C-alpha atoms as a PDB file:
ATOM      1  CA  UNK A   1     143.717  98.875  87.376  1.00  0.00           C
ATOM      2  CA  UNK A   2     141.752 101.985  86.423  1.00  0.00           C
ATOM      3  CA  UNK A   3     138.027 101.735  85.741  1.00  0.00           C
ATOM      4  CA  UNK A   4     135.916 104.319  84.019  1.00  0.00           C
ATOM      5  CA  UNK A   5     132.873 105.697  85.831  1.00  0.00           C
ATOM      6  CA  UNK A   6     130.462 103.785  83.578  1.00  0.00           C
ATOM      7  CA  UNK A   7     132.251 100.506  84.297  1.00  0.00           C
ATOM      8  CA  UNK A   8     132.082 101.120  88.041  1.00  0.00           C
ATOM      9  CA  UNK A   9     128.421 102.046  87.788  1.00  0.00           C
ATOM     10  CA  UNK A  10     127.624  98.850  85.859  1.00  0.00           C
ATOM     11  CA  UNK A  11     129.451  96.802  88.517  1.00  0.00           C
ATOM     12  CA  UNK A  12     127.586  98.419  91.426  1.00  0.00           C
ATOM     13  CA  UNK A  13     124.142  99.347  90.136  1.00  0.00           C
ATOM     14  CA  UNK A  14     121.589  96.708  89.121  1.00  0.00           C
ATOM     15  CA  UNK A  15     120.284  96.740  85.587  1.00  0.00           C
ATOM     16  CA  UNK A  16     116.951  98.367  84.846  1.00  0.00           C
ATOM     17  CA  UNK A  17     115.549  94.918  83.950  1.00  0.00           C
ATOM     18  CA  UNK A  18     116.350  93.522  87.387  1.00  0.00           C
ATOM     19  CA  UNK A  19     114.732  96.495  89.075  1.00  0.00           C
ATOM     20  CA  UNK A  20     111.633  96.181  86.886  1.00  0.00           C
ATOM     21  CA  UNK A  21     111.385  92.450  87.603  1.00  0.00           C
ATOM     22  CA  UNK A  22     111.780  93.038  91.331  1.00  0.00           C
ATOM     23  CA  UNK A  23     109.042  95.683  91.175  1.00  0.00           C
ATOM     24  CA  UNK A  24     106.771  93.141  89.473  1.00  0.00           C
ATOM     25  CA  UNK A  25     107.380  90.653  92.285  1.00  0.00           C
ATOM     26  CA  UNK A  26     106.800  93.278  94.981  1.00  0.00           C
ATOM     27  CA  UNK A  27     103.641  94.495  93.240  1.00  0.00           C
ATOM     28  CA  UNK A  28     102.152  91.009  93.169  1.00  0.00           C
ATOM     29  CA  UNK A  29     103.118  90.417  96.794  1.00  0.00           C
ATOM     30  CA  UNK A  30     101.355  93.681  97.679  1.00  0.00           C
ATOM     31  CA  UNK A  31      98.279  92.638  95.681  1.00  0.00           C
ATOM     32  CA  UNK A  32      98.260  89.320  97.539  1.00  0.00           C
ATOM     33  CA  UNK A  33      98.551  91.030 100.937  1.00  0.00           C
ATOM     34  CA  UNK A  34      95.729  93.461 100.186  1.00  0.00           C
ATOM     35  CA  UNK A  35      93.500  90.733  98.734  1.00  0.00           C
ATOM     36  CA  UNK A  36      94.090  88.392 101.662  1.00  0.00           C
ATOM     37  CA  UNK A  37      93.330  91.048 104.249  1.00  0.00           C
ATOM     38  CA  UNK A  38      90.362  92.473 102.343  1.00  0.00           C
ATOM     39  CA  UNK A  39      88.714  89.057 101.830  1.00  0.00           C
ATOM     40  CA  UNK A  40      89.946  87.765 105.235  1.00  0.00           C
ATOM     41  CA  UNK A  41      91.404  84.659 103.610  1.00  0.00           C
ATOM     42  CA  UNK A  42      93.420  82.186 105.701  1.00  0.00           C
ATOM     43  CA  UNK A  43      96.297  82.265 103.179  1.00  0.00           C
ATOM     44  CA  UNK A  44      99.449  84.379 103.466  1.00  0.00           C
ATOM     45  CA  UNK A  45      99.597  87.412 101.196  1.00  0.00           C
ATOM     46  CA  UNK A  46     102.765  86.276  99.392  1.00  0.00           C
ATOM     47  CA  UNK A  47     101.074  82.992  98.450  1.00  0.00           C
ATOM     48  CA  UNK A  48      98.058  84.842  97.043  1.00  0.00           C
ATOM     49  CA  UNK A  49     100.414  87.192  95.215  1.00  0.00           C
ATOM     50  CA  UNK A  50     102.287  84.241  93.733  1.00  0.00           C
ATOM     51  CA  UNK A  51      99.003  82.753  92.527  1.00  0.00           C
ATOM     52  CA  UNK A  52      98.027  86.086  90.971  1.00  0.00           C
ATOM     53  CA  UNK A  53     101.440  86.315  89.270  1.00  0.00           C
ATOM     54  CA  UNK A  54     101.007  82.765  87.958  1.00  0.00           C
ATOM     55  CA  UNK A  55      97.580  83.622  86.504  1.00  0.00           C
ATOM     56  CA  UNK A  56      98.956  86.741  84.809  1.00  0.00           C
ATOM     57  CA  UNK A  57     101.917  84.829  83.369  1.00  0.00           C
ATOM     58  CA  UNK A  58      99.619  82.094  82.025  1.00  0.00           C
ATOM     59  CA  UNK A  59      97.378  84.721  80.412  1.00  0.00           C
ATOM     60  CA  UNK A  60     100.446  86.452  78.908  1.00  0.00           C
ATOM     61  CA  UNK A  61     101.690  83.126  77.602  1.00  0.00           C
ATOM     62  CA  UNK A  62     105.142  83.337  79.157  1.00  0.00           C
ATOM     63  CA  UNK A  63     107.501  85.002  81.565  1.00  0.00           C
ATOM     64  CA  UNK A  64     108.928  88.416  80.601  1.00  0.00           C
ATOM     65  CA  UNK A  65     112.716  88.489  80.378  1.00  0.00           C
ATOM     66  CA  UNK A  66     113.103  90.979  83.230  1.00  0.00           C
ATOM     67  CA  UNK A  67     111.025  88.809  85.591  1.00  0.00           C
ATOM     68  CA  UNK A  68     112.973  85.705  84.537  1.00  0.00           C
ATOM     69  CA  UNK A  69     116.297  87.489  85.182  1.00  0.00           C
ATOM     70  CA  UNK A  70     115.156  88.680  88.605  1.00  0.00           C
ATOM     71  CA  UNK A  71     113.908  85.222  89.550  1.00  0.00           C
ATOM     72  CA  UNK A  72     117.224  83.680  88.523  1.00  0.00           C
ATOM     73  CA  UNK A  73     119.164  86.273  90.522  1.00  0.00           C
ATOM     74  CA  UNK A  74     117.032  85.646  93.617  1.00  0.00           C
ATOM     75  CA  UNK A  75     117.420  81.879  93.287  1.00  0.00           C
ATOM     76  CA  UNK A  76     121.198  82.214  93.023  1.00  0.00           C
ATOM     77  CA  UNK A  77     121.210  83.929  96.417  1.00  0.00           C
ATOM     78  CA  UNK A  78     118.439  81.923  98.083  1.00  0.00           C
ATOM     79  CA  UNK A  79     120.608  80.920 101.037  1.00  0.00           C
ATOM     80  CA  UNK A  80     121.013  84.581 101.988  1.00  0.00           C
ATOM     81  CA  UNK A  81     117.240  84.860 102.246  1.00  0.00           C
ATOM     82  CA  UNK A  82     117.180  81.937 104.701  1.00  0.00           C
ATOM     83  CA  UNK A  83     119.751  83.364 107.126  1.00  0.00           C
ATOM     84  CA  UNK A  84     117.198  85.363 109.207  1.00  0.00           C
ATOM     85  CA  UNK A  85     114.972  82.291 109.523  1.00  0.00           C
ATOM     86  CA  UNK A  86     117.877  80.152 110.663  1.00  0.00           C
ATOM     87  CA  UNK A  87     118.885  82.777 113.199  1.00  0.00           C
ATOM     88  CA  UNK A  88     115.318  82.921 114.531  1.00  0.00           C
ATOM     89  CA  UNK A  89     115.231  79.143 114.941  1.00  0.00           C
ATOM     90  CA  UNK A  90     118.490  79.262 116.884  1.00  0.00           C
ATOM     91  CA  UNK A  91     117.162  82.022 119.135  1.00  0.00           C
ATOM     92  CA  UNK A  92     114.000  80.028 119.899  1.00  0.00           C
ATOM     93  CA  UNK A  93     115.652  76.605 120.056  1.00  0.00           C
ATOM     94  CA  UNK A  94     113.963  75.804 123.369  1.00  0.00           C
ATOM     95  CA  UNK A  95     110.536  76.255 121.786  1.00  0.00           C
ATOM     96  CA  UNK A  96     111.568  74.125 118.810  1.00  0.00           C
ATOM     97  CA  UNK A  97     112.712  71.407 121.232  1.00  0.00           C
ATOM     98  CA  UNK A  98     109.391  71.497 123.046  1.00  0.00           C
ATOM     99  CA  UNK A  99     107.411  71.047 119.820  1.00  0.00           C
ATOM    100  CA  UNK A 100     109.786  68.706 117.964  1.00  0.00           C
ATOM    101  CA  UNK A 101     107.198  66.032 117.101  1.00  0.00           C
ATOM    102  CA  UNK A 102     104.762  68.269 115.160  1.00  0.00           C
ATOM    103  CA  UNK A 103     107.713  69.931 113.422  1.00  0.00           C
ATOM    104  CA  UNK A 104     109.217  66.606 112.343  1.00  0.00           C
ATOM    105  CA  UNK A 105     105.837  65.223 111.255  1.00  0.00           C
ATOM    106  CA  UNK A 106     105.103  68.397 109.296  1.00  0.00           C
ATOM    107  CA  UNK A 107     108.496  68.356 107.594  1.00  0.00           C
ATOM    108  CA  UNK A 108     108.350  64.649 106.704  1.00  0.00           C
ATOM    109  CA  UNK A 109     104.694  64.863 105.660  1.00  0.00           C
ATOM    110  CA  UNK A 110     105.306  67.957 103.581  1.00  0.00           C
ATOM    111  CA  UNK A 111     108.275  66.340 101.860  1.00  0.00           C
ATOM    112  CA  UNK A 112     106.239  63.192 101.141  1.00  0.00           C
ATOM    113  CA  UNK A 113     103.353  65.180  99.664  1.00  0.00           C
ATOM    114  CA  UNK A 114     105.783  67.262  97.580  1.00  0.00           C
ATOM    115  CA  UNK A 115     107.459  64.133  96.187  1.00  0.00           C
ATOM    116  CA  UNK A 116     104.104  62.491  95.424  1.00  0.00           C
ATOM    117  CA  UNK A 117     102.737  65.554  93.631  1.00  0.00           C
ATOM    118  CA  UNK A 118     106.000  65.950  91.697  1.00  0.00           C
ATOM    119  CA  UNK A 119     105.910  62.280  90.636  1.00  0.00           C
ATOM    120  CA  UNK A 120     102.268  62.525  89.526  1.00  0.00           C
ATOM    121  CA  UNK A 121     102.956  65.718  87.612  1.00  0.00           C
ATOM    122  CA  UNK A 122     105.949  64.123  85.889  1.00  0.00           C
ATOM    123  CA  UNK A 123     103.894  61.051  85.016  1.00  0.00           C
ATOM    124  CA  UNK A 124     101.110  63.192  83.520  1.00  0.00           C
ATOM    125  CA  UNK A 125     103.532  65.339  81.532  1.00  0.00           C
ATOM    126  CA  UNK A 126     105.439  62.332  80.206  1.00  0.00           C
ATOM    127  CA  UNK A 127     102.184  60.620  79.204  1.00  0.00           C
ATOM    128  CA  UNK A 128     101.041  63.759  77.419  1.00  0.00           C
ATOM    129  CA  UNK A 129     104.403  64.147  75.687  1.00  0.00           C
ATOM    130  CA  UNK A 130     104.423  60.466  74.631  1.00  0.00           C
ATOM    131  CA  UNK A 131     100.926  60.883  73.211  1.00  0.00           C
ATOM    132  CA  UNK A 132     102.085  63.824  71.079  1.00  0.00           C
ATOM    133  CA  UNK A 133     105.085  61.909  69.728  1.00  0.00           C
ATOM    134  CA  UNK A 134     102.886  59.155  68.287  1.00  0.00           C
END
């Protein structure tokens, strides 16, 4: 099967929207890193960057299409982003075994808090939506 050069380029090269969305994400991560180091905050830079991105998106009133497309593409390949972490855990398995109790408590506690916050958020949103329907 013969492909034209433009078809091959579209199969290999990412769209301009994906690149622009990825640049947005990297810019906000950079802003978070700089802010965290400058103010000596005990939060990771990517978390601060995510909060800054959230504030900007709320002010804008929505998510631009290119950022939405990039986020969807990253979520589709999320497992690939976790491979280095999994490899690091396997390399340091002896250290994980030595500290298994805090790790298990943190994982179970974090999951419980996440489920509780999700349930409360759902309850609040459903109550608000039911109030609008009446």
